Protein backbone atom coordinates (compact mmCIF):
# COMPACT_ATOMS: atom_id res chain seq x y z
CA MET A 1 39.73 29.06 54.67
CA ARG A 2 42.63 31.52 54.88
CA GLY A 3 41.15 34.54 53.15
CA LEU A 4 37.99 36.38 52.24
CA ALA A 5 37.32 38.57 49.21
CA LEU A 6 34.74 41.34 49.25
CA VAL A 7 32.81 40.68 46.06
CA LEU A 8 29.86 42.45 44.46
CA PHE A 9 26.54 41.04 45.58
CA ALA A 10 24.63 39.66 42.60
CA ALA A 11 23.50 36.05 42.80
CA LEU A 12 21.37 36.38 45.91
CA SER A 13 19.15 39.16 44.70
CA GLY A 14 18.25 37.83 41.28
CA ALA A 15 15.53 39.69 39.42
CA SER A 16 13.04 39.83 42.28
CA ILE A 17 11.38 43.03 43.43
CA SER A 18 12.77 44.31 46.70
CA SER A 19 9.60 45.75 48.15
CA VAL A 20 6.06 46.86 47.49
CA VAL A 21 5.18 49.82 49.68
CA SER A 22 1.81 51.55 49.81
CA PHE A 23 2.05 55.33 49.64
CA ALA A 24 -1.65 56.23 49.56
CA THR A 25 -4.08 54.25 51.67
CA PRO A 26 -6.78 53.28 51.75
CA ALA A 27 -7.91 55.49 48.84
CA PHE A 28 -8.51 59.07 47.81
CA ALA A 29 -11.05 60.84 45.68
CA ALA A 30 -9.55 62.10 42.44
CA ASP A 31 -11.46 65.40 42.64
CA ALA A 32 -11.33 65.88 46.43
CA PRO A 33 -8.12 64.59 48.10
CA ASN A 34 -9.43 65.28 51.63
CA LYS A 35 -12.85 63.79 51.12
CA PRO A 36 -13.59 60.77 53.35
CA VAL A 37 -13.78 57.56 51.34
CA PRO A 38 -16.61 55.10 52.01
CA ALA A 39 -15.26 51.73 53.03
CA ASP A 40 -17.01 49.99 50.16
CA LYS A 41 -15.35 52.32 47.63
CA ARG A 42 -11.77 51.97 48.80
CA VAL A 43 -9.24 50.94 46.17
CA LYS A 44 -6.50 48.41 46.84
CA VAL A 45 -3.68 48.00 44.33
CA THR A 46 -2.08 44.53 44.27
CA VAL A 47 1.17 43.83 42.42
CA ASP A 48 1.91 40.30 41.19
CA ARG A 49 5.61 40.12 42.00
CA ALA A 50 6.03 37.04 39.82
CA LYS A 51 4.88 39.09 36.83
CA VAL A 52 7.25 42.03 37.31
CA ASP A 53 9.63 41.92 34.35
CA LEU A 54 12.13 44.77 34.56
CA PRO A 55 14.15 43.79 31.44
CA GLY A 56 10.89 43.41 29.52
CA HIS A 57 9.51 46.73 30.87
CA LYS A 58 6.22 45.33 32.10
CA LEU A 59 4.37 44.30 35.23
CA GLU A 60 0.95 43.05 36.26
CA VAL A 61 -1.40 44.51 38.87
CA SER A 62 -5.03 44.25 39.88
CA LEU A 63 -7.48 46.59 41.60
CA SER A 64 -10.10 45.76 44.20
CA ARG A 65 -12.62 48.03 42.39
CA PRO A 66 -13.53 48.42 38.69
CA ALA A 67 -10.43 49.83 37.00
CA ASP A 68 -10.51 53.11 35.12
CA LYS A 69 -6.76 53.50 34.60
CA ILE A 70 -3.30 52.94 36.00
CA HIS A 71 -0.84 55.81 36.29
CA LEU A 72 2.71 54.49 35.97
CA LYS A 73 5.89 56.41 36.84
CA VAL A 74 9.28 54.74 36.38
CA GLN A 75 12.30 56.37 37.98
CA GLY A 76 16.01 55.66 37.40
CA GLU A 77 18.90 55.52 39.85
CA SER A 78 19.82 59.14 39.11
CA GLY A 79 16.32 60.27 40.04
CA SER A 80 15.36 60.94 36.43
CA VAL A 81 11.93 59.87 35.18
CA LEU A 82 12.41 57.12 32.59
CA ASP A 83 8.73 57.02 31.67
CA GLU A 84 5.41 58.28 32.98
CA ARG A 85 2.04 57.44 31.49
CA ASP A 86 -1.66 56.71 32.03
CA ILE A 87 -2.82 53.27 30.90
CA PRO A 88 -6.63 52.98 30.37
CA PHE A 89 -8.50 49.83 31.41
CA ASN A 90 -12.08 50.90 30.65
CA GLY A 91 -13.84 49.51 33.70
CA ALA A 92 -12.07 46.13 33.96
CA ALA A 93 -13.66 44.01 36.68
CA PRO A 94 -12.12 43.86 40.17
CA GLY A 95 -9.30 41.33 40.34
CA THR A 96 -8.66 41.36 36.59
CA PRO A 97 -4.93 41.08 35.79
CA LEU A 98 -3.90 44.44 34.32
CA THR A 99 -0.70 44.38 32.28
CA CYS A 100 1.24 47.65 32.38
CA THR A 101 4.18 48.36 30.09
CA TRP A 102 6.58 51.25 29.75
CA THR A 103 9.21 52.48 27.31
CA PRO A 104 12.25 53.82 29.17
CA SER A 105 14.02 56.86 27.80
CA SER A 106 17.44 55.33 28.54
CA ASP A 107 19.14 52.12 29.72
CA GLU A 108 19.52 53.47 33.26
CA ALA A 109 18.65 50.92 35.95
CA VAL A 110 15.18 51.20 37.46
CA ALA A 111 15.18 52.35 41.07
CA ARG A 112 11.50 52.98 41.75
CA ILE A 113 8.14 52.36 40.08
CA GLU A 114 5.04 54.18 41.29
CA ILE A 115 1.69 52.61 40.42
CA ILE A 116 -1.52 54.52 41.07
CA GLY A 117 -4.79 52.71 40.45
CA TYR A 118 -7.94 54.73 39.68
CA SER A 119 -11.37 53.20 40.02
CA THR A 120 -14.29 54.09 37.74
CA GLU A 121 -15.94 55.64 40.83
CA GLY A 122 -13.26 58.34 41.07
CA TYR A 123 -11.08 56.96 43.89
CA TRP A 124 -7.43 55.96 43.84
CA SER A 125 -4.55 54.55 45.84
CA GLY A 126 -0.97 53.69 44.99
CA VAL A 127 2.00 51.49 45.69
CA ALA A 128 5.71 51.87 44.96
CA LEU A 129 8.18 49.16 43.94
CA THR A 130 11.81 49.60 44.89
CA PRO A 131 13.99 47.09 42.99
CA TRP A 132 17.04 49.24 43.69
CA LYS A 133 20.42 47.99 44.83
CA ALA A 134 23.93 49.42 44.51
CA GLU A 135 27.24 47.64 44.07
CA VAL A 136 30.32 48.78 45.99
CA PRO A 137 33.94 48.62 44.77
CA HIS A 138 36.28 46.85 47.17
CA GLU A 139 39.51 44.98 47.76
CA GLU A 140 39.99 41.46 49.06
CA VAL A 141 40.16 41.14 52.84
CA ASN A 142 42.32 38.22 53.97
CA PHE A 143 41.67 36.29 57.17
CA ALA A 144 43.96 33.86 58.94
CA THR A 145 43.04 30.19 58.70
CA ASP A 146 39.80 29.39 60.53
CA SER A 147 39.61 32.93 61.92
CA ASP A 148 37.13 35.78 61.72
CA VAL A 149 39.51 38.38 63.20
CA ILE A 150 40.29 41.33 60.94
CA ARG A 151 44.04 41.83 60.93
CA PRO A 152 45.59 45.34 61.08
CA THR A 153 47.07 44.91 57.59
CA GLU A 154 43.54 44.60 56.17
CA VAL A 155 42.14 47.77 57.73
CA PRO A 156 43.05 50.12 54.83
CA LYS A 157 40.96 47.97 52.49
CA LEU A 158 37.92 48.27 54.74
CA GLU A 159 38.49 52.00 55.15
CA ALA A 160 38.34 52.37 51.36
CA SER A 161 35.18 50.26 51.18
CA LEU A 162 33.56 52.28 53.97
CA ALA A 163 34.19 55.50 52.06
CA ALA A 164 32.66 53.94 48.94
CA ILE A 165 29.59 52.77 50.87
CA ARG A 166 29.05 56.23 52.33
CA ALA A 167 29.32 57.79 48.87
CA VAL A 168 26.63 55.46 47.50
CA VAL A 169 24.32 56.03 50.46
CA SER A 170 24.64 59.79 50.22
CA LYS A 171 23.50 59.73 46.57
CA HIS A 172 20.49 57.46 47.07
CA THR A 173 18.28 58.78 49.85
CA ASP A 174 15.01 59.04 47.94
CA PHE A 175 14.13 55.37 47.47
CA GLY A 176 13.54 54.40 51.09
CA PRO A 177 15.62 53.35 54.12
CA ILE A 178 18.87 51.75 52.99
CA THR A 179 20.57 48.70 54.55
CA LEU A 180 23.98 47.12 53.96
CA TYR A 181 23.65 43.33 53.50
CA VAL A 182 26.74 41.17 54.04
CA VAL A 183 27.03 37.45 53.14
CA GLY A 184 30.04 35.27 53.94
CA HIS A 185 31.34 32.32 51.90
CA THR A 186 34.12 29.74 52.35
CA ASP A 187 35.93 27.15 50.27
CA THR A 188 35.31 23.41 50.81
CA VAL A 189 38.11 22.75 53.31
CA GLY A 190 36.42 21.52 56.50
CA THR A 191 32.90 20.28 57.16
CA ALA A 192 29.86 22.02 55.72
CA GLU A 193 28.57 22.78 59.22
CA HIS A 194 31.86 24.31 60.31
CA ASN A 195 32.13 26.40 57.15
CA PHE A 196 28.59 27.71 57.50
CA ALA A 197 29.34 28.99 61.01
CA LEU A 198 32.70 30.40 59.89
CA SER A 199 31.09 32.28 56.99
CA GLN A 200 28.55 33.81 59.37
CA ARG A 201 31.27 34.93 61.77
CA ARG A 202 33.34 36.52 59.01
CA ALA A 203 30.34 38.36 57.57
CA ARG A 204 29.44 39.58 61.05
CA SER A 205 33.04 40.63 61.67
CA ILE A 206 33.10 42.85 58.58
CA GLY A 207 29.65 44.29 59.34
CA THR A 208 30.70 45.00 62.92
CA TRP A 209 33.83 46.78 61.73
CA PHE A 210 31.72 49.09 59.54
CA ARG A 211 29.37 49.81 62.44
CA GLN A 212 32.21 50.51 64.88
CA HIS A 213 33.74 52.92 62.38
CA GLY A 214 30.68 55.07 62.05
CA LEU A 215 28.44 53.56 59.36
CA GLN A 216 24.95 54.70 60.36
CA VAL A 217 22.76 52.67 58.00
CA PRO A 218 21.36 49.35 59.27
CA ILE A 219 23.64 46.36 58.67
CA ALA A 220 22.52 42.74 58.28
CA TYR A 221 24.56 39.59 57.68
CA GLU A 222 24.24 35.90 56.86
CA GLY A 223 26.53 33.03 55.89
CA PHE A 224 26.38 30.56 53.02
CA GLY A 225 29.40 28.51 53.99
CA GLU A 226 30.59 26.46 51.02
CA ALA A 227 27.12 26.21 49.41
CA ALA A 228 27.50 28.99 46.83
CA PRO A 229 31.04 28.80 45.44
CA ARG A 230 32.31 31.20 42.81
CA VAL A 231 34.53 28.39 41.48
CA ARG A 232 33.07 24.90 41.64
CA THR A 233 35.48 22.41 43.21
CA GLY A 234 35.50 19.06 44.92
CA ASP A 235 35.55 18.61 48.67
CA GLU A 236 38.57 19.75 50.73
CA VAL A 237 39.83 22.10 47.99
CA ASP A 238 41.65 25.26 49.06
CA GLU A 239 40.21 27.77 46.56
CA PRO A 240 40.88 31.45 47.42
CA GLN A 241 38.13 32.79 45.14
CA ASN A 242 35.53 30.94 47.20
CA ARG A 243 36.65 32.58 50.44
CA ARG A 244 34.77 35.81 50.08
CA VAL A 245 32.01 38.06 51.31
CA ASP A 246 29.26 39.44 49.05
CA TYR A 247 27.64 42.70 50.06
CA VAL A 248 25.13 45.11 48.63
CA ILE A 249 23.32 48.26 49.61
CA ALA A 250 19.58 47.86 49.08
CA VAL A 251 16.20 49.13 50.20
CA GLU A 252 14.76 45.72 51.08
CA PRO A 253 16.29 42.36 52.08
CA PRO A 254 17.42 40.21 49.15
CA GLY A 255 15.91 36.74 49.21
CA LEU A 256 17.67 33.95 51.07
CA PRO A 257 17.17 30.20 50.43
CA ASN A 258 15.75 27.55 52.71
CA GLY A 259 13.87 29.91 55.00
CA ARG A 260 17.01 31.64 56.27
CA ALA A 261 16.73 35.11 57.75
CA TRP A 262 19.08 38.06 57.91
CA HIS A 263 20.74 38.81 61.25
CA GLY A 264 20.85 42.45 62.25
CA LEU A 265 23.76 44.05 64.06
């Protein structure tokens, strides 16, 4: 428990979709955007998150009204449009699973997917998916044994990481409000309960340092203790690679196991 490495956040986020945000509610008329929409004609677009397959370039949605078409726009991290198309569904019944596929123009990571559903009655509404996250280069930050205090010798490493975080944030302002998520880990020396609390304190300590040094984006933290080691070991093993913090910049909170919740600073 003597040190902590800042490591790229990967395992916690998996392939899940960060968020589904409505950007046109409850519905609009295709030929008259300002026309009031009768309540019984309103279109709701529902995304099945379990059926969103980014590597396979497909997803599944349904509409609350008979489906005329889906307009799909896929955007990359650079802001470029990777694909944009209309997919006809010829009056598919409300609630019918509608599979939408796209063919990206490059291998650039997907940052945003806009989905607009049009009913056969001429109304539409849309949602946006934001599976975006950004990794941050960093150096290992070492803590004293059983301590969450950042030592003066470690400050230059955090200063470099802070500059890198600001650079990423400044380039990605179009996908929604951005948050820095910090997760602490420990090795297996000590009890699981003690290590869980220690990992939380160390993650909070790093997040607090960023806040106190001017980082304006929201910051959230959580600890995993010894439950998610980088190197699997037995109990009471002093393994430096397991004493680390994962962190990522993302639009929405990555999933946490066992009903845990992120703590905001």
